[in-house]
Protein backbone atom coordinates (compact mmCIF):
# COMPACT_ATOMS: atom_id res chain seq x y z
CA MET A 1 -60.02 -29.17 41.21
CA ALA A 2 -60.01 -28.77 44.97
CA LEU A 3 -61.95 -25.71 46.78
CA MET A 4 -60.52 -23.11 48.96
CA ILE A 5 -61.89 -20.98 51.57
CA THR A 6 -60.95 -17.22 51.10
CA ASP A 7 -60.37 -14.51 53.63
CA GLU A 8 -63.93 -13.54 53.37
CA CYS A 9 -64.80 -16.31 55.82
CA ILE A 10 -66.51 -15.25 58.84
CA ASN A 11 -66.06 -18.64 60.66
CA CYS A 12 -69.60 -19.36 60.97
CA ASP A 13 -69.07 -23.16 61.36
CA VAL A 14 -71.49 -24.37 58.86
CA CYS A 15 -69.25 -25.77 56.22
CA GLU A 16 -66.89 -28.20 58.44
CA PRO A 17 -69.72 -30.60 59.17
CA GLU A 18 -71.15 -30.61 55.58
CA CYS A 19 -68.00 -32.14 54.25
CA PRO A 20 -68.15 -36.06 53.78
CA ASN A 21 -64.21 -36.18 53.49
CA ASP A 22 -63.33 -34.42 56.52
CA ALA A 23 -61.25 -31.92 54.42
CA ILE A 24 -62.42 -28.62 56.35
CA SER A 25 -61.03 -27.77 59.54
CA LEU A 26 -60.31 -24.63 61.43
CA GLY A 27 -57.21 -22.88 60.92
CA GLN A 28 -55.14 -19.94 62.46
CA GLU A 29 -57.54 -17.35 61.28
CA ARG A 30 -60.47 -19.10 59.41
CA TYR A 31 -61.54 -22.62 58.15
CA GLU A 32 -59.36 -24.28 55.66
CA ILE A 33 -59.73 -27.18 53.17
CA GLU A 34 -56.91 -29.99 52.79
CA PRO A 35 -56.77 -30.22 49.10
CA GLY A 36 -55.54 -33.81 49.27
CA ARG A 37 -58.86 -34.71 50.87
CA CYS A 38 -61.23 -32.22 48.74
CA THR A 39 -63.14 -34.06 45.82
CA GLU A 40 -65.56 -31.30 45.84
CA CYS A 41 -68.03 -34.04 47.05
CA VAL A 42 -67.69 -36.08 44.07
CA GLY A 43 -68.51 -39.43 45.16
CA HIS A 44 -71.09 -38.24 47.65
CA TYR A 45 -72.98 -35.49 46.04
CA ASP A 46 -73.76 -33.59 42.83
CA GLU A 47 -72.56 -30.28 44.33
CA PRO A 48 -69.86 -29.41 46.84
CA GLN A 49 -71.82 -29.04 50.16
CA CYS A 50 -69.65 -26.49 51.57
CA VAL A 51 -70.52 -24.11 48.72
CA GLN A 52 -74.29 -24.80 49.08
CA VAL A 53 -74.32 -23.99 52.86
CA CYS A 54 -71.70 -20.98 52.79
CA PRO A 55 -73.54 -17.83 53.74
CA VAL A 56 -70.90 -15.58 52.07
CA ALA A 57 -69.67 -17.49 49.15
CA CYS A 58 -66.17 -17.70 50.11
CA ILE A 59 -65.86 -20.97 48.70
CA PRO A 60 -64.41 -20.87 45.16
CA LYS A 61 -62.46 -23.34 43.01
CA ASP A 62 -58.80 -23.47 43.84
CA PRO A 63 -57.19 -22.12 40.67
CA HIS A 64 -53.75 -23.83 41.60
CA ARG A 65 -55.17 -27.17 41.94
CA VAL A 66 -56.76 -28.28 38.83
CA GLU A 67 -58.36 -31.58 38.66
CA SER A 68 -60.70 -33.07 36.18
CA ARG A 69 -63.88 -34.90 37.52
CA GLU A 70 -62.00 -38.20 36.82
CA GLN A 71 -59.15 -37.09 39.00
CA LEU A 72 -61.58 -36.23 41.82
CA TRP A 73 -63.28 -39.71 41.42
CA VAL A 74 -59.81 -41.35 41.54
CA LYS A 75 -58.81 -39.09 45.05
CA PHE A 76 -62.45 -40.29 46.37
CA THR A 77 -61.76 -43.70 45.64
CA GLY A 78 -58.40 -43.56 47.28
CA LEU A 79 -59.83 -41.94 50.45
CA VAL A 80 -62.42 -44.73 50.47
CA ARG A 81 -59.92 -47.23 50.40
CA ALA A 82 -57.88 -45.67 53.11
CA LYS A 83 -60.84 -45.23 55.21
CA THR A 84 -62.08 -48.88 55.01
CA GLY A 85 -58.60 -50.38 54.59
CA ALA A 86 -59.56 -52.16 51.56
């Protein structure tokens, strides 16, 4: 599953630099996660880094974007290939 940022976000700026896939960016009102780039840090870390650093716990799993660990791994490898041109 991709993660999402809820409206409890206080725009503290700590999550964006922690994302290894550059999936987090500042939206109109708060930070947002691009679901096509979010792998929940699969391929990089054991736990989602944005969740680890969020001071208000506003980054849950998106119930509308259910993905298995295997699907997240496939997404990660696709992102790596796109980045490296391989």
